[in-house]
Amino acid sequence: MRVFINPIQHLKSVNESYFQHGFFALKWGLFLIMTGIVSVLHGIFPFLFPFLAPKNVLKLKKVMDERKEEERIRQIEGDLKI
């Protein structure tokens, strides 16, 4: 996994503006923080939020898989352009 990449190339690959990408990252970052807090609470109090963390992880995976598929389609379409 590379930590530093060309930001312009990355924004093009996900087909988003700087602010769209920032909003997406902020939204899902906060979602993950909330999921982590809920997981800690569940660890201390097992009767709280029994299935929320796994559900949230699967939700994020679905979103990321869809984004990856959209990126793959854009790349194929770009390769077909002459």
Protein backbone atom coordinates (compact mmCIF):
# COMPACT_ATOMS: atom_id res chain seq x y z
CA MET A 1 0.00 0.00 0.00
CA ARG A 2 1.42 3.36 -1.02
CA VAL A 3 1.01 6.23 1.42
CA PHE A 4 1.77 9.07 -1.00
CA ILE A 5 0.38 9.23 -4.52
CA ASN A 6 -0.25 11.93 -7.08
CA PRO A 7 -3.40 13.66 -5.72
CA ILE A 8 -4.63 14.82 -9.15
CA GLN A 9 -4.32 11.32 -10.60
CA HIS A 10 -6.10 9.87 -7.56
CA LEU A 11 -9.02 12.31 -7.83
CA LYS A 12 -9.35 11.50 -11.54
CA SER A 13 -9.29 7.76 -10.82
CA VAL A 14 -12.22 8.09 -8.41
CA ASN A 15 -13.95 10.64 -10.65
CA GLU A 16 -14.41 13.19 -7.86
CA SER A 17 -13.49 16.78 -7.17
CA TYR A 18 -11.28 17.67 -4.21
CA PHE A 19 -14.32 18.61 -2.11
CA GLN A 20 -16.40 15.60 -3.15
CA HIS A 21 -13.53 13.31 -2.19
CA GLY A 22 -12.97 15.19 1.07
CA PHE A 23 -16.64 14.85 1.98
CA PHE A 24 -16.60 11.12 1.15
CA ALA A 25 -13.46 10.55 3.24
CA LEU A 26 -14.78 12.61 6.16
CA LYS A 27 -18.18 10.90 6.11
CA TRP A 28 -16.78 7.37 6.11
CA GLY A 29 -13.93 8.23 8.48
CA LEU A 30 -16.44 9.46 11.06
CA PHE A 31 -18.55 6.37 10.36
CA LEU A 32 -15.54 4.18 11.19
CA ILE A 33 -14.75 6.14 14.35
CA MET A 34 -18.37 5.74 15.48
CA THR A 35 -18.21 2.02 14.67
CA GLY A 36 -15.03 1.72 16.75
CA ILE A 37 -16.63 3.47 19.72
CA VAL A 38 -19.68 1.23 19.45
CA SER A 39 -17.39 -1.83 19.32
CA VAL A 40 -15.60 -0.75 22.50
CA LEU A 41 -18.94 -0.21 24.24
CA HIS A 42 -20.10 -3.62 23.04
CA GLY A 43 -16.89 -5.17 24.42
CA ILE A 44 -17.62 -3.70 27.85
CA PHE A 45 -21.40 -4.17 27.72
CA PRO A 46 -22.11 -7.16 25.43
CA PHE A 47 -25.85 -6.48 25.49
CA LEU A 48 -25.36 -3.13 23.70
CA PHE A 49 -25.21 -2.97 19.88
CA PRO A 50 -24.75 -6.74 19.41
CA PHE A 51 -24.55 -6.73 15.60
CA LEU A 52 -23.90 -3.11 14.66
CA ALA A 53 -20.13 -3.26 14.10
CA PRO A 54 -20.15 -6.21 11.67
CA LYS A 55 -23.13 -4.67 9.87
CA ASN A 56 -21.28 -1.37 9.50
CA VAL A 57 -18.11 -3.05 8.25
CA LEU A 58 -20.12 -4.90 5.59
CA LYS A 59 -21.85 -1.65 4.62
CA LEU A 60 -18.50 0.09 4.10
CA LYS A 61 -17.14 -2.91 2.16
CA LYS A 62 -20.14 -2.74 -0.17
CA VAL A 63 -19.59 0.98 -0.80
CA MET A 64 -15.87 0.49 -1.45
CA ASP A 65 -16.50 -2.50 -3.75
CA GLU A 66 -18.99 -0.42 -5.76
CA ARG A 67 -16.47 2.43 -6.06
CA LYS A 68 -13.75 0.02 -7.18
CA GLU A 69 -16.08 -1.46 -9.83
CA GLU A 70 -16.99 2.04 -11.09
CA GLU A 71 -13.27 2.88 -11.32
CA ARG A 72 -12.60 -0.35 -13.24
CA ILE A 73 -15.41 0.44 -15.69
CA ARG A 74 -14.08 3.99 -16.24
CA GLN A 75 -10.61 2.56 -16.89
CA ILE A 76 -11.96 0.08 -19.45
CA GLU A 77 -13.99 2.83 -21.14
CA GLY A 78 -10.89 5.03 -21.21
CA ASP A 79 -8.84 2.24 -22.78
CA LEU A 80 -11.48 1.79 -25.50
CA LYS A 81 -11.42 5.48 -26.54
CA ILE A 82 -9.32 6.24 -29.56
